[in-house]
Amino acid sequence: MSHFQSDSQLLEKIQSGDAKAFTELFDQYWDLLFHAAYGRLKSADLAKDVVQEVFLDFWNRKETIKIKFRLDVYLLTAVKYQIFKMIDQLNLEVGIEEYHGIQLLPHEEVLPLEELYQKLEVALDELPEMAAHIFRMNKLQGMSASEVAQTLDINVQSVHNSIHKSMKVLRNSLKYTSGILLFFS
C-alpha cells in the first residue's frame, strides 16, 4: 500500500477539516475495510454499509479522535465494532438472542471504540511480533488462515497454532474487558 502522505499527516489534515485528505484516506483504506467486513458478513451490501458508516463516523468525530497506535488497526477495529452494532440492531429488530452465532451483550457493557481499540492494541503488544501480525491479518483484516499462510509463506497449521495461542493470551489479558473478544470469535 503506497502512501502519498503518512497516516499521521493525513489524520492531522483531516482533523483540521481537509476533505481532500479524507478522500485520500477513504481511497487508501476502502478495500482493506471492505474485505474485513465482507469476511465477517458474507454480504457485499452489508459490508459496504458497515464501511461507509465507519468513514462517516470518522469524519463526524474527526476533531476528537485520538489514535495512539496504527490508523489501519483503529479503522479495522471500528469495522468490527460497527459489525457488532449492526448485529445488535438486527437482534433488536427481529427479537432474537443470537444472530449468526454471536451472543450479544447488553448495551451498557459495550465499551467506547477508542477504549476498546486501546485495550486491544496494548494486549496485542504483549504478543510476539509475528503472532500479533498473524492475529491482525486473520482477525482484523478478515483473511483466512490459508491466505495468511500463503502471504507469510508459512504452514496453515502454524497460522492456526499461532491464533490459538494468541487468543489464550488475549483472553487472559482482556478477561475483565467485557465483550472485546466477541469480535474475534
N, C-alpha and C. Protein backbone atom coordinates (compact mmCIF):
# COMPACT_ATOMS: atom_id res chain seq x y z
N MET A 1 0.85 -1.17 0.00
CA MET A 1 0.00 0.00 0.00
C MET A 1 0.90 1.24 0.00
N SER A 2 0.94 1.97 -1.09
CA SER A 2 1.81 3.14 -1.14
C SER A 2 1.04 4.34 -0.59
N HIS A 3 1.70 5.08 0.26
CA HIS A 3 1.08 6.23 0.89
C HIS A 3 1.64 7.50 0.27
N PHE A 4 0.76 8.39 -0.17
CA PHE A 4 1.22 9.68 -0.65
C PHE A 4 1.59 10.54 0.56
N GLN A 5 0.86 10.37 1.62
CA GLN A 5 1.13 11.06 2.87
C GLN A 5 1.12 10.01 3.98
N SER A 6 1.84 10.27 5.04
CA SER A 6 1.80 9.33 6.15
C SER A 6 0.43 9.39 6.81
N ASP A 7 0.09 8.33 7.52
CA ASP A 7 -1.19 8.31 8.23
C ASP A 7 -1.30 9.48 9.19
N SER A 8 -0.20 9.81 9.87
CA SER A 8 -0.27 10.92 10.84
C SER A 8 -0.48 12.25 10.13
N GLN A 9 0.12 12.42 8.94
CA GLN A 9 -0.11 13.65 8.17
C GLN A 9 -1.57 13.74 7.72
N LEU A 10 -2.09 12.62 7.21
CA LEU A 10 -3.49 12.58 6.79
C LEU A 10 -4.41 12.91 7.96
N LEU A 11 -4.17 12.25 9.08
CA LEU A 11 -5.02 12.45 10.25
C LEU A 11 -4.99 13.91 10.70
N GLU A 12 -3.82 14.50 10.71
CA GLU A 12 -3.70 15.90 11.12
C GLU A 12 -4.51 16.81 10.18
N LYS A 13 -4.43 16.56 8.88
CA LYS A 13 -5.18 17.37 7.92
C LYS A 13 -6.69 17.13 8.04
N ILE A 14 -7.07 15.88 8.24
CA ILE A 14 -8.49 15.56 8.40
C ILE A 14 -9.05 16.25 9.64
N GLN A 15 -8.28 16.22 10.72
CA GLN A 15 -8.74 16.83 11.96
C GLN A 15 -8.92 18.34 11.83
N SER A 16 -8.23 18.94 10.85
CA SER A 16 -8.43 20.36 10.63
C SER A 16 -9.47 20.62 9.53
N GLY A 17 -10.18 19.55 9.10
CA GLY A 17 -11.29 19.71 8.18
C GLY A 17 -10.96 19.55 6.71
N ASP A 18 -9.79 19.04 6.37
CA ASP A 18 -9.37 18.88 4.98
C ASP A 18 -10.08 17.70 4.33
N ALA A 19 -11.09 18.01 3.50
CA ALA A 19 -11.89 16.97 2.84
C ALA A 19 -11.07 16.19 1.83
N LYS A 20 -10.10 16.82 1.19
CA LYS A 20 -9.24 16.13 0.22
C LYS A 20 -8.41 15.04 0.92
N ALA A 21 -7.89 15.35 2.10
CA ALA A 21 -7.13 14.36 2.87
C ALA A 21 -8.05 13.21 3.29
N PHE A 22 -9.29 13.53 3.63
CA PHE A 22 -10.24 12.49 3.99
C PHE A 22 -10.51 11.58 2.80
N THR A 23 -10.64 12.16 1.61
CA THR A 23 -10.85 11.36 0.39
C THR A 23 -9.65 10.44 0.15
N GLU A 24 -8.46 10.94 0.40
CA GLU A 24 -7.26 10.11 0.25
C GLU A 24 -7.28 8.95 1.25
N LEU A 25 -7.66 9.25 2.48
CA LEU A 25 -7.78 8.20 3.50
C LEU A 25 -8.81 7.16 3.07
N PHE A 26 -9.94 7.62 2.60
CA PHE A 26 -11.02 6.75 2.14
C PHE A 26 -10.51 5.83 1.02
N ASP A 27 -9.86 6.43 0.02
CA ASP A 27 -9.34 5.65 -1.11
C ASP A 27 -8.27 4.65 -0.66
N GLN A 28 -7.46 5.06 0.28
CA GLN A 28 -6.36 4.23 0.76
C GLN A 28 -6.85 3.01 1.54
N TYR A 29 -7.93 3.16 2.33
CA TYR A 29 -8.35 2.10 3.23
C TYR A 29 -9.66 1.40 2.86
N TRP A 30 -10.35 1.88 1.84
CA TRP A 30 -11.65 1.29 1.49
C TRP A 30 -11.55 -0.23 1.28
N ASP A 31 -10.65 -0.67 0.42
CA ASP A 31 -10.55 -2.10 0.09
C ASP A 31 -10.26 -2.95 1.32
N LEU A 32 -9.31 -2.52 2.12
CA LEU A 32 -8.95 -3.27 3.33
C LEU A 32 -10.16 -3.41 4.25
N LEU A 33 -10.87 -2.33 4.49
CA LEU A 33 -12.01 -2.35 5.40
C LEU A 33 -13.17 -3.14 4.81
N PHE A 34 -13.40 -2.97 3.51
CA PHE A 34 -14.48 -3.72 2.86
C PHE A 34 -14.23 -5.22 2.95
N HIS A 35 -13.01 -5.66 2.66
CA HIS A 35 -12.71 -7.10 2.71
C HIS A 35 -12.82 -7.65 4.13
N ALA A 36 -12.43 -6.84 5.11
CA ALA A 36 -12.56 -7.27 6.51
C ALA A 36 -14.04 -7.42 6.87
N ALA A 37 -14.87 -6.47 6.46
CA ALA A 37 -16.31 -6.53 6.77
C ALA A 37 -16.96 -7.68 5.99
N TYR A 38 -16.61 -7.82 4.74
CA TYR A 38 -17.19 -8.88 3.91
C TYR A 38 -16.81 -10.26 4.46
N GLY A 39 -15.58 -10.39 4.95
CA GLY A 39 -15.14 -11.66 5.53
C GLY A 39 -15.99 -12.09 6.71
N ARG A 40 -16.54 -11.13 7.43
CA ARG A 40 -17.39 -11.43 8.58
C ARG A 40 -18.86 -11.56 8.20
N LEU A 41 -19.32 -10.72 7.28
CA LEU A 41 -20.76 -10.64 6.99
C LEU A 41 -21.19 -11.47 5.79
N LYS A 42 -20.26 -11.76 4.88
CA LYS A 42 -20.55 -12.53 3.66
C LYS A 42 -21.64 -11.88 2.83
N SER A 43 -21.74 -10.56 2.89
CA SER A 43 -22.71 -9.81 2.12
C SER A 43 -22.03 -8.51 1.68
N ALA A 44 -21.93 -8.31 0.36
CA ALA A 44 -21.29 -7.09 -0.15
C ALA A 44 -22.07 -5.85 0.27
N ASP A 45 -23.39 -5.91 0.23
CA ASP A 45 -24.21 -4.74 0.60
C ASP A 45 -24.02 -4.38 2.07
N LEU A 46 -24.08 -5.38 2.95
CA LEU A 46 -23.88 -5.11 4.38
C LEU A 46 -22.46 -4.62 4.65
N ALA A 47 -21.48 -5.21 3.96
CA ALA A 47 -20.08 -4.80 4.15
C ALA A 47 -19.90 -3.34 3.73
N LYS A 48 -20.50 -2.95 2.59
CA LYS A 48 -20.42 -1.55 2.14
C LYS A 48 -21.07 -0.63 3.16
N ASP A 49 -22.23 -1.03 3.68
CA ASP A 49 -22.91 -0.21 4.70
C ASP A 49 -22.02 -0.01 5.93
N VAL A 50 -21.39 -1.08 6.37
CA VAL A 50 -20.52 -1.00 7.55
C VAL A 50 -19.36 -0.04 7.30
N VAL A 51 -18.68 -0.20 6.17
CA VAL A 51 -17.51 0.63 5.88
C VAL A 51 -17.92 2.09 5.70
N GLN A 52 -19.02 2.33 5.01
CA GLN A 52 -19.49 3.71 4.85
C GLN A 52 -19.81 4.33 6.21
N GLU A 53 -20.42 3.56 7.08
CA GLU A 53 -20.75 4.05 8.42
C GLU A 53 -19.47 4.37 9.21
N VAL A 54 -18.46 3.53 9.07
CA VAL A 54 -17.18 3.77 9.76
C VAL A 54 -16.57 5.09 9.28
N PHE A 55 -16.52 5.28 7.95
CA PHE A 55 -15.95 6.52 7.43
C PHE A 55 -16.79 7.74 7.79
N LEU A 56 -18.10 7.61 7.76
CA LEU A 56 -18.99 8.72 8.15
C LEU A 56 -18.75 9.09 9.61
N ASP A 57 -18.69 8.09 10.47
CA ASP A 57 -18.44 8.32 11.89
C ASP A 57 -17.06 8.96 12.09
N PHE A 58 -16.07 8.47 11.35
CA PHE A 58 -14.71 9.02 11.45
C PHE A 58 -14.72 10.50 11.11
N TRP A 59 -15.38 10.86 10.00
CA TRP A 59 -15.44 12.27 9.59
C TRP A 59 -16.20 13.11 10.62
N ASN A 60 -17.32 12.60 11.11
CA ASN A 60 -18.12 13.35 12.08
C ASN A 60 -17.39 13.57 13.40
N ARG A 61 -16.48 12.67 13.74
CA ARG A 61 -15.76 12.79 15.02
C ARG A 61 -14.29 13.17 14.82
N LYS A 62 -13.96 13.71 13.66
CA LYS A 62 -12.57 13.96 13.29
C LYS A 62 -11.80 14.82 14.29
N GLU A 63 -12.47 15.80 14.89
CA GLU A 63 -11.76 16.69 15.82
C GLU A 63 -11.41 16.00 17.14
N THR A 64 -12.16 14.96 17.50
CA THR A 64 -11.97 14.35 18.82
C THR A 64 -11.29 12.98 18.79
N ILE A 65 -11.11 12.41 17.60
CA ILE A 65 -10.50 11.08 17.51
C ILE A 65 -9.04 11.14 17.94
N LYS A 66 -8.66 10.23 18.80
CA LYS A 66 -7.27 10.12 19.25
C LYS A 66 -6.77 8.73 18.88
N ILE A 67 -5.80 8.68 17.99
CA ILE A 67 -5.25 7.40 17.54
C ILE A 67 -3.82 7.33 18.05
N LYS A 68 -3.60 6.42 18.99
CA LYS A 68 -2.30 6.34 19.65
C LYS A 68 -1.37 5.32 19.00
N PHE A 69 -1.93 4.43 18.20
CA PHE A 69 -1.10 3.39 17.62
C PHE A 69 -1.16 3.49 16.10
N ARG A 70 -1.74 2.51 15.45
CA ARG A 70 -1.78 2.48 13.99
C ARG A 70 -3.18 2.79 13.47
N LEU A 71 -3.26 3.63 12.46
CA LEU A 71 -4.53 4.02 11.88
C LEU A 71 -5.27 2.84 11.27
N ASP A 72 -4.55 1.93 10.59
CA ASP A 72 -5.22 0.78 9.98
C ASP A 72 -5.87 -0.10 11.04
N VAL A 73 -5.20 -0.29 12.15
CA VAL A 73 -5.78 -1.11 13.23
C VAL A 73 -6.98 -0.40 13.83
N TYR A 74 -6.88 0.91 13.99
CA TYR A 74 -8.02 1.67 14.51
C TYR A 74 -9.23 1.49 13.60
N LEU A 75 -9.02 1.65 12.30
CA LEU A 75 -10.13 1.54 11.35
C LEU A 75 -10.69 0.12 11.30
N LEU A 76 -9.82 -0.88 11.35
CA LEU A 76 -10.28 -2.27 11.35
C LEU A 76 -11.06 -2.58 12.62
N THR A 77 -10.63 -2.03 13.74
CA THR A 77 -11.37 -2.20 14.98
C THR A 77 -12.72 -1.51 14.88
N ALA A 78 -12.75 -0.36 14.23
CA ALA A 78 -14.02 0.36 14.03
C ALA A 78 -14.97 -0.48 13.17
N VAL A 79 -14.44 -1.17 12.17
CA VAL A 79 -15.27 -2.05 11.34
C VAL A 79 -15.86 -3.16 12.20
N LYS A 80 -15.04 -3.79 13.01
CA LYS A 80 -15.54 -4.86 13.88
C LYS A 80 -16.63 -4.32 14.81
N TYR A 81 -16.39 -3.16 15.36
CA TYR A 81 -17.34 -2.54 16.27
C TYR A 81 -18.65 -2.23 15.56
N GLN A 82 -18.55 -1.72 14.33
CA GLN A 82 -19.75 -1.39 13.56
C GLN A 82 -20.52 -2.66 13.21
N ILE A 83 -19.81 -3.74 12.90
CA ILE A 83 -20.48 -5.02 12.65
C ILE A 83 -21.23 -5.46 13.90
N PHE A 84 -20.60 -5.31 15.04
CA PHE A 84 -21.22 -5.66 16.31
C PHE A 84 -22.49 -4.85 16.52
N LYS A 85 -22.40 -3.53 16.26
CA LYS A 85 -23.58 -2.67 16.40
C LYS A 85 -24.68 -3.05 15.42
N MET A 86 -24.29 -3.39 14.18
CA MET A 86 -25.28 -3.78 13.17
C MET A 86 -26.00 -5.06 13.60
N ILE A 87 -25.24 -6.03 14.07
CA ILE A 87 -25.84 -7.29 14.51
C ILE A 87 -26.73 -7.05 15.72
N ASP A 88 -26.28 -6.17 16.61
CA ASP A 88 -27.09 -5.82 17.77
C ASP A 88 -28.42 -5.20 17.33
N GLN A 89 -28.37 -4.32 16.34
CA GLN A 89 -29.58 -3.68 15.83
C GLN A 89 -30.49 -4.72 15.18
N LEU A 90 -29.91 -5.62 14.39
CA LEU A 90 -30.70 -6.69 13.79
C LEU A 90 -31.35 -7.55 14.88
N ASN A 91 -30.59 -7.78 15.94
CA ASN A 91 -31.09 -8.56 17.06
C ASN A 91 -32.32 -7.88 17.68
N LEU A 92 -32.25 -6.56 17.84
CA LEU A 92 -33.39 -5.83 18.41
C LEU A 92 -34.59 -5.86 17.46
N GLU A 93 -34.31 -5.73 16.17
CA GLU A 93 -35.40 -5.70 15.19
C GLU A 93 -36.12 -7.04 15.08
N VAL A 94 -35.39 -8.13 15.15
CA VAL A 94 -36.03 -9.43 14.99
C VAL A 94 -36.31 -10.11 16.32
N GLY A 95 -35.82 -9.51 17.42
CA GLY A 95 -36.14 -10.02 18.74
C GLY A 95 -35.61 -11.41 19.03
N ILE A 96 -34.35 -11.65 18.63
CA ILE A 96 -33.75 -12.96 18.92
C ILE A 96 -32.55 -12.76 19.82
N GLU A 97 -32.12 -13.84 20.43
CA GLU A 97 -30.99 -13.76 21.35
C GLU A 97 -29.64 -13.88 20.65
N GLU A 98 -29.60 -14.59 19.55
CA GLU A 98 -28.34 -14.76 18.83
C GLU A 98 -28.56 -14.49 17.36
N TYR A 99 -27.52 -13.99 16.71
CA TYR A 99 -27.56 -13.77 15.27
C TYR A 99 -26.25 -14.29 14.72
N HIS A 100 -26.33 -15.28 13.84
CA HIS A 100 -25.14 -15.90 13.26
C HIS A 100 -24.16 -16.38 14.33
N GLY A 101 -24.67 -16.90 15.41
CA GLY A 101 -23.81 -17.48 16.43
C GLY A 101 -23.10 -16.50 17.33
N ILE A 102 -23.38 -15.20 17.21
CA ILE A 102 -22.72 -14.21 18.05
C ILE A 102 -23.66 -13.82 19.18
N GLN A 103 -23.26 -14.10 20.39
CA GLN A 103 -24.05 -13.72 21.56
C GLN A 103 -23.82 -12.24 21.82
N LEU A 104 -24.88 -11.53 22.00
CA LEU A 104 -24.77 -10.09 22.16
C LEU A 104 -24.78 -9.68 23.63
N LEU A 105 -24.18 -8.53 23.88
CA LEU A 105 -24.11 -8.02 25.25
C LEU A 105 -25.13 -6.91 25.44
N PRO A 106 -25.57 -6.71 26.67
CA PRO A 106 -26.41 -5.54 26.94
C PRO A 106 -25.65 -4.27 26.57
N HIS A 107 -26.36 -3.24 26.10
CA HIS A 107 -25.72 -2.01 25.62
C HIS A 107 -24.76 -1.41 26.65
N GLU A 108 -25.09 -1.46 27.92
CA GLU A 108 -24.25 -0.80 28.92
C GLU A 108 -22.89 -1.48 29.08
N GLU A 109 -22.74 -2.70 28.55
CA GLU A 109 -21.46 -3.39 28.67
C GLU A 109 -20.55 -3.17 27.47
N VAL A 110 -20.98 -2.45 26.46
CA VAL A 110 -20.18 -2.21 25.28
C VAL A 110 -19.29 -1.01 25.52
N LEU A 111 -17.98 -1.18 25.34
CA LEU A 111 -17.02 -0.11 25.57
C LEU A 111 -17.05 0.89 24.42
N PRO A 112 -16.68 2.14 24.70
CA PRO A 112 -16.49 3.09 23.60
C PRO A 112 -15.37 2.58 22.69
N LEU A 113 -15.45 2.88 21.40
CA LEU A 113 -14.50 2.35 20.43
C LEU A 113 -13.05 2.68 20.79
N GLU A 114 -12.77 3.91 21.19
CA GLU A 114 -11.39 4.28 21.49
C GLU A 114 -10.83 3.43 22.64
N GLU A 115 -11.65 3.18 23.64
CA GLU A 115 -11.20 2.37 24.78
C GLU A 115 -10.99 0.93 24.34
N LEU A 116 -11.89 0.41 23.54
CA LEU A 116 -11.77 -0.95 23.01
C LEU A 116 -10.49 -1.08 22.19
N TYR A 117 -10.28 -0.14 21.29
CA TYR A 117 -9.11 -0.13 20.42
C TYR A 117 -7.83 -0.08 21.24
N GLN A 118 -7.79 0.80 22.23
CA GLN A 118 -6.59 0.95 23.04
C GLN A 118 -6.28 -0.32 23.83
N LYS A 119 -7.29 -0.93 24.42
CA LYS A 119 -7.08 -2.16 25.19
C LYS A 119 -6.60 -3.30 24.29
N LEU A 120 -7.16 -3.38 23.09
CA LEU A 120 -6.73 -4.42 22.15
C LEU A 120 -5.29 -4.19 21.73
N GLU A 121 -4.93 -2.97 21.40
CA GLU A 121 -3.56 -2.68 20.96
C GLU A 121 -2.55 -2.99 22.07
N VAL A 122 -2.88 -2.62 23.30
CA VAL A 122 -1.98 -2.91 24.43
C VAL A 122 -1.82 -4.42 24.58
N ALA A 123 -2.93 -5.15 24.47
CA ALA A 123 -2.87 -6.61 24.59
C ALA A 123 -2.09 -7.23 23.43
N LEU A 124 -2.26 -6.71 22.22
CA LEU A 124 -1.51 -7.24 21.07
C LEU A 124 -0.02 -6.97 21.21
N ASP A 125 0.34 -5.89 21.87
CA ASP A 125 1.76 -5.60 22.10
C ASP A 125 2.42 -6.62 23.02
N GLU A 126 1.62 -7.35 23.78
CA GLU A 126 2.17 -8.40 24.66
C GLU A 126 2.56 -9.64 23.87
N LEU A 127 2.02 -9.78 22.66
CA LEU A 127 2.30 -10.96 21.84
C LEU A 127 3.64 -10.80 21.12
N PRO A 128 4.27 -11.92 20.76
CA PRO A 128 5.44 -11.82 19.88
C PRO A 128 5.02 -11.13 18.58
N GLU A 129 5.95 -10.43 17.94
CA GLU A 129 5.63 -9.63 16.76
C GLU A 129 4.93 -10.44 15.67
N MET A 130 5.43 -11.63 15.36
CA MET A 130 4.82 -12.45 14.30
C MET A 130 3.42 -12.90 14.70
N ALA A 131 3.23 -13.27 15.95
CA ALA A 131 1.91 -13.70 16.42
C ALA A 131 0.90 -12.56 16.32
N ALA A 132 1.32 -11.36 16.70
CA ALA A 132 0.44 -10.19 16.59
C ALA A 132 0.10 -9.91 15.13
N HIS A 133 1.10 -10.06 14.27
CA HIS A 133 0.88 -9.82 12.82
C HIS A 133 -0.12 -10.84 12.26
N ILE A 134 0.04 -12.09 12.61
CA ILE A 134 -0.88 -13.14 12.15
C ILE A 134 -2.28 -12.87 12.67
N PHE A 135 -2.40 -12.51 13.95
CA PHE A 135 -3.70 -12.20 14.54
C PHE A 135 -4.38 -11.05 13.80
N ARG A 136 -3.63 -9.97 13.55
CA ARG A 136 -4.20 -8.81 12.85
C ARG A 136 -4.69 -9.19 11.45
N MET A 137 -3.86 -9.96 10.73
CA MET A 137 -4.24 -10.35 9.37
C MET A 137 -5.52 -11.19 9.39
N ASN A 138 -5.59 -12.15 10.31
CA ASN A 138 -6.72 -13.07 10.35
C ASN A 138 -7.96 -12.44 10.98
N LYS A 139 -7.81 -11.86 12.14
CA LYS A 139 -8.97 -11.40 12.89
C LYS A 139 -9.39 -9.97 12.59
N LEU A 140 -8.45 -9.10 12.24
CA LEU A 140 -8.83 -7.73 11.95
C LEU A 140 -9.05 -7.50 10.46
N GLN A 141 -8.16 -8.07 9.64
CA GLN A 141 -8.29 -7.86 8.20
C GLN A 141 -9.22 -8.88 7.54
N GLY A 142 -9.60 -9.93 8.28
CA GLY A 142 -10.55 -10.90 7.77
C GLY A 142 -9.95 -11.90 6.80
N MET A 143 -8.63 -12.06 6.80
CA MET A 143 -8.00 -13.03 5.91
C MET A 143 -8.17 -14.43 6.49
N SER A 144 -8.37 -15.40 5.62
CA SER A 144 -8.48 -16.79 6.08
C SER A 144 -7.09 -17.27 6.52
N ALA A 145 -7.07 -18.37 7.25
CA ALA A 145 -5.79 -18.94 7.70
C ALA A 145 -4.92 -19.31 6.50
N SER A 146 -5.53 -19.84 5.45
CA SER A 146 -4.74 -20.21 4.27
C SER A 146 -4.21 -18.96 3.55
N GLU A 147 -4.99 -17.86 3.53
CA GLU A 147 -4.49 -16.62 2.93
C GLU A 147 -3.32 -16.05 3.74
N VAL A 148 -3.42 -16.11 5.06
CA VAL A 148 -2.33 -15.64 5.91
C VAL A 148 -1.09 -16.50 5.67
N ALA A 149 -1.28 -17.81 5.64
CA ALA A 149 -0.16 -18.73 5.43
C ALA A 149 0.52 -18.45 4.09
N GLN A 150 -0.28 -18.27 3.07
CA GLN A 150 0.27 -18.01 1.74
C GLN A 150 1.03 -16.67 1.72
N THR A 151 0.44 -15.63 2.32
CA THR A 151 1.08 -14.31 2.35
C THR A 151 2.41 -14.35 3.09
N LEU A 152 2.44 -15.07 4.20
CA LEU A 152 3.65 -15.11 5.04
C LEU A 152 4.57 -16.28 4.69
N ASP A 153 4.13 -17.10 3.74
CA ASP A 153 4.89 -18.27 3.31
C ASP A 153 5.21 -19.19 4.50
N ILE A 154 4.14 -19.51 5.24
CA ILE A 154 4.25 -20.45 6.35
C ILE A 154 3.15 -21.49 6.22
N ASN A 155 3.22 -22.51 7.04
CA ASN A 155 2.25 -23.59 7.03
C ASN A 155 0.92 -23.12 7.62
N VAL A 156 -0.19 -23.59 7.05
CA VAL A 156 -1.52 -23.22 7.55
C VAL A 156 -1.67 -23.62 9.02
N GLN A 157 -1.16 -24.79 9.37
CA GLN A 157 -1.26 -25.25 10.75
C GLN A 157 -0.52 -24.29 11.70
N SER A 158 0.57 -23.71 11.23
CA SER A 158 1.30 -22.73 12.04
C SER A 158 0.43 -21.50 12.31
N VAL A 159 -0.35 -21.11 11.31
CA VAL A 159 -1.27 -19.98 11.48
C VAL A 159 -2.32 -20.33 12.54
N HIS A 160 -2.93 -21.51 12.41
CA HIS A 160 -3.94 -21.94 13.38
C HIS A 160 -3.34 -22.00 14.79
N ASN A 161 -2.15 -22.56 14.91
CA ASN A 161 -1.50 -22.67 16.23
C ASN A 161 -1.23 -21.29 16.81
N SER A 162 -0.74 -20.37 15.98
CA SER A 162 -0.44 -19.02 16.44
C SER A 162 -1.70 -18.30 16.91
N ILE A 163 -2.77 -18.42 16.14
CA ILE A 163 -4.03 -17.76 16.51
C ILE A 163 -4.57 -18.34 17.81
N HIS A 164 -4.50 -19.66 17.93
CA HIS A 164 -4.98 -20.32 19.15
C HIS A 164 -4.21 -19.81 20.38
N LYS A 165 -2.88 -19.77 20.26
CA LYS A 165 -2.05 -19.28 21.38
C LYS A 165 -2.32 -17.81 21.66
N SER A 166 -2.47 -17.02 20.59
CA SER A 166 -2.74 -15.58 20.77
C SER A 166 -4.07 -15.36 21.47
N MET A 167 -5.08 -16.13 21.09
CA MET A 167 -6.39 -15.99 21.74
C MET A 167 -6.30 -16.31 23.23
N LYS A 168 -5.50 -17.31 23.59
CA LYS A 168 -5.34 -17.63 25.02
C LYS A 168 -4.72 -16.45 25.77
N VAL A 169 -3.68 -15.87 25.19
CA VAL A 169 -3.01 -14.73 25.82
C VAL A 169 -3.96 -13.54 25.90
N LEU A 170 -4.67 -13.28 24.81
CA LEU A 170 -5.59 -12.14 24.79
C LEU A 170 -6.76 -12.34 25.74
N ARG A 171 -7.27 -13.57 25.82
CA ARG A 171 -8.36 -13.83 26.77
C ARG A 171 -7.91 -13.51 28.20
N ASN A 172 -6.69 -13.91 28.51
CA ASN A 172 -6.15 -13.64 29.84
C ASN A 172 -5.93 -12.14 30.05
N SER A 173 -5.35 -11.48 29.06
CA SER A 173 -5.08 -10.04 29.16
C SER A 173 -6.35 -9.22 29.23
N LEU A 174 -7.38 -9.67 28.54
CA LEU A 174 -8.60 -8.88 28.41
C LEU A 174 -9.78 -9.47 29.18
N LYS A 175 -9.49 -10.34 30.13
CA LYS A 175 -10.58 -11.05 30.80
C LYS A 175 -11.55 -10.12 31.53
N TYR A 176 -11.10 -8.94 31.90
CA TYR A 176 -12.00 -8.01 32.58
C TYR A 176 -12.58 -6.97 31.62
N THR A 177 -12.29 -7.13 30.35
CA THR A 177 -12.81 -6.21 29.32
C THR A 177 -13.98 -6.90 28.66
N SER A 178 -15.13 -6.68 29.18
CA SER A 178 -16.34 -7.38 28.75
C SER A 178 -16.60 -7.21 27.26
N GLY A 179 -16.69 -8.34 26.58
CA GLY A 179 -17.15 -8.36 25.20
C GLY A 179 -16.10 -8.16 24.14
N ILE A 180 -14.89 -7.75 24.47
CA ILE A 180 -13.92 -7.42 23.43
C ILE A 180 -13.60 -8.62 22.54
N LEU A 181 -13.56 -9.81 23.10
CA LEU A 181 -13.19 -10.97 22.28
C LEU A 181 -14.34 -11.52 21.46
N LEU A 182 -15.55 -10.98 21.66
CA LEU A 182 -16.66 -11.38 20.79
C LEU A 182 -16.36 -11.05 19.34
N PHE A 183 -15.58 -9.99 19.12
CA PHE A 183 -15.25 -9.59 17.76
C PHE A 183 -14.42 -10.63 17.05
N PHE A 184 -13.67 -11.43 17.82
CA PHE A 184 -12.67 -12.28 17.21
C PHE A 184 -12.98 -13.76 17.31
N SER A 185 -14.19 -14.09 17.71
CA SER A 185 -14.57 -15.49 17.85
C SER A 185 -14.65 -16.15 16.50
